[in-house]
Amino acid sequence: MADEIKEGGKEGKGGKGGKGGKGGQPAKGAPAQASGKGKDKDKAAAVDHAPKAADGVPRLQDFYHKTVAPKLQKEFGLGNPHQVPRLEKIVLNVGMGDASKNPKALEAAVEELGLITGQKAVVTRAKKAIANFGLRAGMPVGATVTLRGARMYEFLDRFITLAIPRIRDFRGLPSRSFDGRGNYTFGIREQMIFPEIDFDRVEKIHGMDITIVTSATRDDLALGLLRELGWPFRGETPQRVA
């Protein structure tokens, strides 16, 4: 199994900022350009440029509606189209036990999640005090992002086509990481697999838990959904997304 992937896992509880861009003054009459964090802005903008269908819908979302949903309805004998499983949200969690002692690393993790997902991450805080861990209620413990809609499909498309091939000795993701209610959770050991991350500016190497929440109430329905979307399960040849 690859070093970068760990099976199962819970939604964890909680990356580095860029340098400001430099440039000359715009010509008279030309539109003003925003300054600062030029490199990060370029990366964040690139996040929104995932492949899209002709009508502007993310490629994977268009593939789901035109190909996957009808196929799943026929395969599982679902009479009502609303019974067909679909993606509801994707949650990324970074847990950092030393977040209160190392606020710089926490800020970097928040910024890295923003680069990876194209959406600002929020800091997660402890709900109750645990004396054995020196934890008090309200202390920062990590960062999280919840993706829905087009951003969810764009992230999943980039993860399957760009991030996973960068994993060393990759042999597939586990097919037993479902929770019994159609949700799939897996762990990544390094954020370096995402092309949006600049190796030279990483504050700290950390992993994350990723949870894919579906509308399916059974694991076999969720498994069929992910398989048709091109998920690389261990021992299987992934479906090709048109």
C-alpha atoms as a PDB file:
ATOM      1  CA  MET A   1       0.000   0.000   0.000  1.00  0.00           C
ATOM      2  CA  ALA A   2       1.225   3.476  -0.770  1.00  0.00           C
ATOM      3  CA  ASP A   3       2.807   5.578   1.968  1.00  0.00           C
ATOM      4  CA  GLU A   4       0.518   8.481   1.150  1.00  0.00           C
ATOM      5  CA  ILE A   5      -2.787   6.638   1.687  1.00  0.00           C
ATOM      6  CA  LYS A   6      -4.213   5.313   4.926  1.00  0.00           C
ATOM      7  CA  GLU A   7      -7.448   3.375   5.072  1.00  0.00           C
ATOM      8  CA  GLY A   8     -10.624   4.441   6.812  1.00  0.00           C
ATOM      9  CA  GLY A   9     -10.400   7.216   9.347  1.00  0.00           C
ATOM     10  CA  LYS A  10     -12.746   9.767  10.762  1.00  0.00           C
ATOM     11  CA  GLU A  11     -13.372  13.281   9.694  1.00  0.00           C
ATOM     12  CA  GLY A  12     -10.336  14.857  11.291  1.00  0.00           C
ATOM     13  CA  LYS A  13     -10.172  18.170  13.026  1.00  0.00           C
ATOM     14  CA  GLY A  14      -7.765  20.412  12.237  1.00  0.00           C
ATOM     15  CA  GLY A  15      -0.143  24.728   3.910  1.00  0.00           C
ATOM     16  CA  LYS A  16       1.791  27.993   3.397  1.00  0.00           C
ATOM     17  CA  GLY A  17       1.010  31.444   2.173  1.00  0.00           C
ATOM     18  CA  GLY A  18       2.563  32.927  -0.913  1.00  0.00           C
ATOM     19  CA  LYS A  19       4.701  35.954  -1.556  1.00  0.00           C
ATOM     20  CA  GLY A  20       3.137  39.124  -2.806  1.00  0.00           C
ATOM     21  CA  GLY A  21       3.181  39.716  -6.531  1.00  0.00           C
ATOM     22  CA  LYS A  22       5.150  42.646  -7.929  1.00  0.00           C
ATOM     23  CA  GLY A  23       4.427  44.653 -11.021  1.00  0.00           C
ATOM     24  CA  GLY A  24       4.619  48.107 -12.526  1.00  0.00           C
ATOM     25  CA  GLN A  25       1.912  50.717 -12.466  1.00  0.00           C
ATOM     26  CA  PRO A  26      -0.865  50.163 -15.028  1.00  0.00           C
ATOM     27  CA  ALA A  27      -0.979  52.450 -18.047  1.00  0.00           C
ATOM     28  CA  LYS A  28      -3.287  55.404 -17.959  1.00  0.00           C
ATOM     29  CA  GLY A  29      -6.802  54.333 -18.737  1.00  0.00           C
ATOM     30  CA  ALA A  30      -6.009  50.647 -18.248  1.00  0.00           C
ATOM     31  CA  PRO A  31      -7.978  48.691 -15.620  1.00  0.00           C
ATOM     32  CA  ALA A  32      -6.258  48.441 -12.239  1.00  0.00           C
ATOM     33  CA  GLN A  33      -4.909  45.057 -11.217  1.00  0.00           C
ATOM     34  CA  ALA A  34      -5.027  43.625  -7.712  1.00  0.00           C
ATOM     35  CA  SER A  35      -1.669  43.193  -6.015  1.00  0.00           C
ATOM     36  CA  GLY A  36      -0.297  40.825  -3.392  1.00  0.00           C
ATOM     37  CA  LYS A  37      -0.003  37.083  -3.239  1.00  0.00           C
ATOM     38  CA  GLY A  38       0.278  36.902  -7.004  1.00  0.00           C
ATOM     39  CA  LYS A  39       1.511  33.340  -7.107  1.00  0.00           C
ATOM     40  CA  ASP A  40      -1.203  32.048  -4.799  1.00  0.00           C
ATOM     41  CA  LYS A  41      -3.879  33.910  -6.738  1.00  0.00           C
ATOM     42  CA  ASP A  42      -2.729  32.280  -9.940  1.00  0.00           C
ATOM     43  CA  LYS A  43      -3.027  28.876  -8.301  1.00  0.00           C
ATOM     44  CA  ALA A  44      -6.405  29.638  -6.765  1.00  0.00           C
ATOM     45  CA  ALA A  45      -7.654  30.813 -10.157  1.00  0.00           C
ATOM     46  CA  ALA A  46      -6.371  27.647 -11.782  1.00  0.00           C
ATOM     47  CA  VAL A  47      -8.473  25.629  -9.347  1.00  0.00           C
ATOM     48  CA  ASP A  48     -11.627  26.963 -11.002  1.00  0.00           C
ATOM     49  CA  HIS A  49     -10.435  25.919 -14.449  1.00  0.00           C
ATOM     50  CA  ALA A  50     -11.244  22.223 -14.158  1.00  0.00           C
ATOM     51  CA  PRO A  51     -12.555  20.631 -17.379  1.00  0.00           C
ATOM     52  CA  LYS A  52     -16.103  21.717 -18.107  1.00  0.00           C
ATOM     53  CA  ALA A  53     -18.757  20.600 -20.551  1.00  0.00           C
ATOM     54  CA  ALA A  54     -19.930  22.841 -23.365  1.00  0.00           C
ATOM     55  CA  ASP A  55     -22.600  24.462 -21.169  1.00  0.00           C
ATOM     56  CA  GLY A  56     -20.108  25.354 -18.394  1.00  0.00           C
ATOM     57  CA  VAL A  57     -21.077  22.480 -16.097  1.00  0.00           C
ATOM     58  CA  PRO A  58     -18.084  20.601 -14.589  1.00  0.00           C
ATOM     59  CA  ARG A  59     -17.124  17.637 -16.740  1.00  0.00           C
ATOM     60  CA  LEU A  60     -17.683  15.036 -14.008  1.00  0.00           C
ATOM     61  CA  GLN A  61     -21.082  16.481 -13.093  1.00  0.00           C
ATOM     62  CA  ASP A  62     -22.179  16.400 -16.726  1.00  0.00           C
ATOM     63  CA  PHE A  63     -20.906  12.810 -17.011  1.00  0.00           C
ATOM     64  CA  TYR A  64     -22.903  11.822 -13.928  1.00  0.00           C
ATOM     65  CA  HIS A  65     -26.217  13.199 -15.201  1.00  0.00           C
ATOM     66  CA  LYS A  66     -25.867  11.891 -18.762  1.00  0.00           C
ATOM     67  CA  THR A  67     -24.193   8.527 -18.201  1.00  0.00           C
ATOM     68  CA  VAL A  68     -23.810   7.423 -14.589  1.00  0.00           C
ATOM     69  CA  ALA A  69     -27.315   8.121 -13.237  1.00  0.00           C
ATOM     70  CA  PRO A  70     -29.204   6.267 -16.024  1.00  0.00           C
ATOM     71  CA  LYS A  71     -26.786   3.343 -15.789  1.00  0.00           C
ATOM     72  CA  LEU A  72     -27.150   3.042 -12.005  1.00  0.00           C
ATOM     73  CA  GLN A  73     -30.942   3.276 -12.224  1.00  0.00           C
ATOM     74  CA  LYS A  74     -31.013   0.392 -14.681  1.00  0.00           C
ATOM     75  CA  GLU A  75     -28.357  -1.680 -12.887  1.00  0.00           C
ATOM     76  CA  PHE A  76     -30.029  -1.542  -9.454  1.00  0.00           C
ATOM     77  CA  GLY A  77     -33.624  -1.575 -10.772  1.00  0.00           C
ATOM     78  CA  LEU A  78     -34.572   1.769  -9.246  1.00  0.00           C
ATOM     79  CA  GLY A  79     -38.039   2.842 -10.367  1.00  0.00           C
ATOM     80  CA  ASN A  80     -37.777   6.408  -9.084  1.00  0.00           C
ATOM     81  CA  PRO A  81     -34.976   8.610 -10.472  1.00  0.00           C
ATOM     82  CA  HIS A  82     -34.696  10.263  -7.052  1.00  0.00           C
ATOM     83  CA  GLN A  83     -33.521   6.919  -5.635  1.00  0.00           C
ATOM     84  CA  VAL A  84     -30.375   7.025  -7.761  1.00  0.00           C
ATOM     85  CA  PRO A  85     -27.379   7.720  -5.478  1.00  0.00           C
ATOM     86  CA  ARG A  86     -25.613  11.046  -5.941  1.00  0.00           C
ATOM     87  CA  LEU A  87     -22.804  12.999  -4.350  1.00  0.00           C
ATOM     88  CA  GLU A  88     -23.925  15.414  -1.644  1.00  0.00           C
ATOM     89  CA  LYS A  89     -20.681  16.858  -0.288  1.00  0.00           C
ATOM     90  CA  ILE A  90     -16.976  16.240   0.167  1.00  0.00           C
ATOM     91  CA  VAL A  91     -15.331  17.144   3.486  1.00  0.00           C
ATOM     92  CA  LEU A  92     -11.578  17.656   3.876  1.00  0.00           C
ATOM     93  CA  ASN A  93     -10.183  17.725   7.415  1.00  0.00           C
ATOM     94  CA  VAL A  94      -6.679  18.474   8.627  1.00  0.00           C
ATOM     95  CA  GLY A  95      -6.006  17.655  12.275  1.00  0.00           C
ATOM     96  CA  MET A  96      -3.155  19.433  14.055  1.00  0.00           C
ATOM     97  CA  GLY A  97      -2.652  18.612  17.704  1.00  0.00           C
ATOM     98  CA  ASP A  98      -0.037  21.340  18.103  1.00  0.00           C
ATOM     99  CA  ALA A  99      -2.138  24.050  16.440  1.00  0.00           C
ATOM    100  CA  SER A 100      -2.312  26.147  19.624  1.00  0.00           C
ATOM    101  CA  LYS A 101       1.489  26.024  20.037  1.00  0.00           C
ATOM    102  CA  ASN A 102       2.269  26.475  16.354  1.00  0.00           C
ATOM    103  CA  PRO A 103      -0.214  28.991  14.918  1.00  0.00           C
ATOM    104  CA  LYS A 104       1.979  29.563  11.864  1.00  0.00           C
ATOM    105  CA  ALA A 105       1.577  25.932  10.783  1.00  0.00           C
ATOM    106  CA  LEU A 106      -2.182  26.192  11.274  1.00  0.00           C
ATOM    107  CA  GLU A 107      -2.354  29.305   9.096  1.00  0.00           C
ATOM    108  CA  ALA A 108      -0.359  27.482   6.428  1.00  0.00           C
ATOM    109  CA  ALA A 109      -2.723  24.488   6.570  1.00  0.00           C
ATOM    110  CA  VAL A 110      -5.739  26.771   6.153  1.00  0.00           C
ATOM    111  CA  GLU A 111      -4.145  28.465   3.155  1.00  0.00           C
ATOM    112  CA  GLU A 112      -3.144  25.150   1.577  1.00  0.00           C
ATOM    113  CA  LEU A 113      -6.690  23.824   1.863  1.00  0.00           C
ATOM    114  CA  GLY A 114      -7.845  26.987   0.119  1.00  0.00           C
ATOM    115  CA  LEU A 115      -5.416  26.365  -2.746  1.00  0.00           C
ATOM    116  CA  ILE A 116      -6.413  22.717  -3.051  1.00  0.00           C
ATOM    117  CA  THR A 117     -10.172  23.253  -3.011  1.00  0.00           C
ATOM    118  CA  GLY A 118     -10.656  26.816  -4.259  1.00  0.00           C
ATOM    119  CA  GLN A 119     -12.687  27.557  -1.127  1.00  0.00           C
ATOM    120  CA  LYS A 120     -11.619  29.175   2.130  1.00  0.00           C
ATOM    121  CA  ALA A 121     -11.078  26.740   4.979  1.00  0.00           C
ATOM    122  CA  VAL A 122     -12.310  27.307   8.519  1.00  0.00           C
ATOM    123  CA  VAL A 123     -10.446  26.613  11.747  1.00  0.00           C
ATOM    124  CA  THR A 124     -11.911  23.835  13.875  1.00  0.00           C
ATOM    125  CA  ARG A 125     -11.855  24.199  17.652  1.00  0.00           C
ATOM    126  CA  ALA A 126     -12.109  21.779  20.555  1.00  0.00           C
ATOM    127  CA  LYS A 127     -15.659  21.317  21.852  1.00  0.00           C
ATOM    128  CA  LYS A 128     -14.595  20.244  25.334  1.00  0.00           C
ATOM    129  CA  ALA A 129     -11.516  20.222  27.527  1.00  0.00           C
ATOM    130  CA  ILE A 130      -9.343  17.110  27.838  1.00  0.00           C
ATOM    131  CA  ALA A 131      -6.806  17.446  30.639  1.00  0.00           C
ATOM    132  CA  ASN A 132      -4.653  14.501  29.535  1.00  0.00           C
ATOM    133  CA  PHE A 133      -3.953  16.222  26.220  1.00  0.00           C
ATOM    134  CA  GLY A 134      -3.637  19.701  27.676  1.00  0.00           C
ATOM    135  CA  LEU A 135      -6.683  20.703  25.657  1.00  0.00           C
ATOM    136  CA  ARG A 136      -9.138  23.407  26.637  1.00  0.00           C
ATOM    137  CA  ALA A 137     -12.501  24.095  25.076  1.00  0.00           C
ATOM    138  CA  GLY A 138     -12.219  26.535  22.196  1.00  0.00           C
ATOM    139  CA  MET A 139      -8.579  25.832  21.375  1.00  0.00           C
ATOM    140  CA  PRO A 140      -7.795  25.436  17.626  1.00  0.00           C
ATOM    141  CA  VAL A 141      -7.184  21.839  16.622  1.00  0.00           C
ATOM    142  CA  GLY A 142      -7.167  21.930  12.818  1.00  0.00           C
ATOM    143  CA  ALA A 143      -8.947  23.117   9.678  1.00  0.00           C
ATOM    144  CA  THR A 144     -11.770  21.862   7.485  1.00  0.00           C
ATOM    145  CA  VAL A 145     -13.471  22.558   4.155  1.00  0.00           C
ATOM    146  CA  THR A 146     -16.871  21.332   2.956  1.00  0.00           C
ATOM    147  CA  LEU A 147     -17.430  21.277  -0.805  1.00  0.00           C
ATOM    148  CA  ARG A 148     -20.788  21.096  -2.533  1.00  0.00           C
ATOM    149  CA  GLY A 149     -22.123  21.568  -6.044  1.00  0.00           C
ATOM    150  CA  ALA A 150     -19.767  22.428  -8.897  1.00  0.00           C
ATOM    151  CA  ARG A 151     -16.687  22.817  -6.659  1.00  0.00           C
ATOM    152  CA  MET A 152     -17.267  19.333  -5.278  1.00  0.00           C
ATOM    153  CA  TYR A 153     -17.282  17.782  -8.755  1.00  0.00           C
ATOM    154  CA  GLU A 154     -14.290  19.849  -9.877  1.00  0.00           C
ATOM    155  CA  PHE A 155     -12.259  18.798  -6.844  1.00  0.00           C
ATOM    156  CA  LEU A 156     -13.143  15.118  -7.321  1.00  0.00           C
ATOM    157  CA  ASP A 157     -12.227  15.295 -11.002  1.00  0.00           C
ATOM    158  CA  ARG A 158      -8.842  16.871 -10.244  1.00  0.00           C
ATOM    159  CA  PHE A 159      -8.181  14.424  -7.421  1.00  0.00           C
ATOM    160  CA  ILE A 160      -8.824  11.373  -9.621  1.00  0.00           C
ATOM    161  CA  THR A 161      -7.007  12.601 -12.727  1.00  0.00           C
ATOM    162  CA  LEU A 162      -4.140  14.683 -11.269  1.00  0.00           C
ATOM    163  CA  ALA A 163      -3.486  13.967  -7.584  1.00  0.00           C
ATOM    164  CA  ILE A 164      -3.797  10.178  -7.407  1.00  0.00           C
ATOM    165  CA  PRO A 165      -1.280   9.517 -10.231  1.00  0.00           C
ATOM    166  CA  ARG A 166       1.315  11.451  -8.159  1.00  0.00           C
ATOM    167  CA  ILE A 167       1.140   8.926  -5.297  1.00  0.00           C
ATOM    168  CA  ARG A 168       4.187   6.692  -5.020  1.00  0.00           C
ATOM    169  CA  ASP A 169       3.606   2.955  -5.524  1.00  0.00           C
ATOM    170  CA  PHE A 170      -0.119   3.487  -5.823  1.00  0.00           C
ATOM    171  CA  ARG A 171      -2.101   0.223  -5.900  1.00  0.00           C
ATOM    172  CA  GLY A 172      -5.631   1.476  -5.544  1.00  0.00           C
ATOM    173  CA  LEU A 173      -7.853   2.839  -2.799  1.00  0.00           C
ATOM    174  CA  PRO A 174      -9.612   0.474  -0.367  1.00  0.00           C
ATOM    175  CA  SER A 175     -13.153  -0.620  -1.167  1.00  0.00           C
ATOM    176  CA  ARG A 176     -14.024  -1.336   2.487  1.00  0.00           C
ATOM    177  CA  SER A 177     -13.830   2.199   3.830  1.00  0.00           C
ATOM    178  CA  PHE A 178     -17.586   2.753   3.806  1.00  0.00           C
ATOM    179  CA  ASP A 179     -19.440   3.475   7.030  1.00  0.00           C
ATOM    180  CA  GLY A 180     -22.528   1.351   6.358  1.00  0.00           C
ATOM    181  CA  ARG A 181     -24.625   4.366   5.329  1.00  0.00           C
ATOM    182  CA  GLY A 182     -23.121   5.065   1.924  1.00  0.00           C
ATOM    183  CA  ASN A 183     -20.312   7.422   3.004  1.00  0.00           C
ATOM    184  CA  TYR A 184     -16.685   6.802   2.074  1.00  0.00           C
ATOM    185  CA  THR A 185     -13.707   8.001   4.141  1.00  0.00           C
ATOM    186  CA  PHE A 186     -10.012   7.621   3.450  1.00  0.00           C
ATOM    187  CA  GLY A 187      -6.807   9.288   4.585  1.00  0.00           C
ATOM    188  CA  ILE A 188      -3.876  10.900   2.796  1.00  0.00           C
ATOM    189  CA  ARG A 189      -0.494  11.066   4.500  1.00  0.00           C
ATOM    190  CA  GLU A 190       0.954  13.991   2.537  1.00  0.00           C
ATOM    191  CA  GLN A 191      -0.624  17.069   1.012  1.00  0.00           C
ATOM    192  CA  MET A 192       2.225  17.123  -1.510  1.00  0.00           C
ATOM    193  CA  ILE A 193       0.284  14.955  -3.981  1.00  0.00           C
ATOM    194  CA  PHE A 194      -1.868  17.936  -4.942  1.00  0.00           C
ATOM    195  CA  PRO A 195      -0.351  19.901  -7.847  1.00  0.00           C
ATOM    196  CA  GLU A 196      -1.529  23.196  -6.319  1.00  0.00           C
ATOM    197  CA  ILE A 197       1.009  22.831  -3.480  1.00  0.00           C
ATOM    198  CA  ASP A 198       4.437  24.426  -3.961  1.00  0.00           C
ATOM    199  CA  PHE A 199       7.086  22.125  -2.455  1.00  0.00           C
ATOM    200  CA  ASP A 200       9.451  24.990  -1.676  1.00  0.00           C
ATOM    201  CA  ARG A 201       6.912  26.846   0.438  1.00  0.00           C
ATOM    202  CA  VAL A 202       5.469  24.039   2.535  1.00  0.00           C
ATOM    203  CA  GLU A 203       5.585  24.861   6.240  1.00  0.00           C
ATOM    204  CA  LYS A 204       4.924  21.333   7.448  1.00  0.00           C
ATOM    205  CA  ILE A 205       4.068  18.030   5.785  1.00  0.00           C
ATOM    206  CA  HIS A 206       0.732  16.785   7.070  1.00  0.00           C
ATOM    207  CA  GLY A 207      -2.035  14.446   6.031  1.00  0.00           C
ATOM    208  CA  MET A 208      -5.773  14.843   5.853  1.00  0.00           C
ATOM    209  CA  ASP A 209      -8.996  12.858   5.989  1.00  0.00           C
ATOM    210  CA  ILE A 210     -11.371  13.091   3.036  1.00  0.00           C
ATOM    211  CA  THR A 211     -15.003  12.024   3.385  1.00  0.00           C
ATOM    212  CA  ILE A 212     -17.302  11.607   0.394  1.00  0.00           C
ATOM    213  CA  VAL A 213     -20.921  11.877   1.509  1.00  0.00           C
ATOM    214  CA  THR A 214     -23.534  10.387  -0.822  1.00  0.00           C
ATOM    215  CA  SER A 215     -27.312  10.161  -0.796  1.00  0.00           C
ATOM    216  CA  ALA A 216     -27.110   6.352  -0.849  1.00  0.00           C
ATOM    217  CA  THR A 217     -28.391   4.488   2.172  1.00  0.00           C
ATOM    218  CA  ARG A 218     -26.477   1.312   1.312  1.00  0.00           C
ATOM    219  CA  ASP A 219     -22.788   0.767   0.748  1.00  0.00           C
ATOM    220  CA  ASP A 220     -23.306  -1.186  -2.481  1.00  0.00           C
ATOM    221  CA  LEU A 221     -25.103   1.797  -4.046  1.00  0.00           C
ATOM    222  CA  ALA A 222     -22.330   4.168  -3.003  1.00  0.00           C
ATOM    223  CA  LEU A 223     -19.699   1.720  -4.245  1.00  0.00           C
ATOM    224  CA  GLY A 224     -21.429   1.552  -7.634  1.00  0.00           C
ATOM    225  CA  LEU A 225     -21.609   5.347  -7.792  1.00  0.00           C
ATOM    226  CA  LEU A 226     -17.918   5.885  -7.080  1.00  0.00           C
ATOM    227  CA  ARG A 227     -16.935   3.068  -9.417  1.00  0.00           C
ATOM    228  CA  GLU A 228     -18.855   4.633 -12.310  1.00  0.00           C
ATOM    229  CA  LEU A 229     -17.281   8.027 -11.578  1.00  0.00           C
ATOM    230  CA  GLY A 230     -13.853   6.505 -12.168  1.00  0.00           C
ATOM    231  CA  TRP A 231     -12.778   5.857  -8.568  1.00  0.00           C
ATOM    232  CA  PRO A 232      -9.593   3.720  -8.562  1.00  0.00           C
ATOM    233  CA  PHE A 233     -10.522   0.906  -6.201  1.00  0.00           C
ATOM    234  CA  ARG A 234      -7.838  -1.627  -5.360  1.00  0.00           C
ATOM    235  CA  GLY A 235      -7.725  -4.560  -7.756  1.00  0.00           C
ATOM    236  CA  GLU A 236     -10.051  -2.910 -10.296  1.00  0.00           C
ATOM    237  CA  THR A 237      -9.571  -1.040 -13.531  1.00  0.00           C
ATOM    238  CA  PRO A 238     -11.094   2.440 -13.123  1.00  0.00           C
ATOM    239  CA  GLN A 239     -13.919   3.512 -15.419  1.00  0.00           C
ATOM    240  CA  ARG A 240     -12.906   6.111 -17.960  1.00  0.00           C
ATOM    241  CA  VAL A 241     -14.760   9.419 -17.756  1.00  0.00           C
ATOM    242  CA  ALA A 242     -15.741  10.711 -21.178  1.00  0.00           C
END
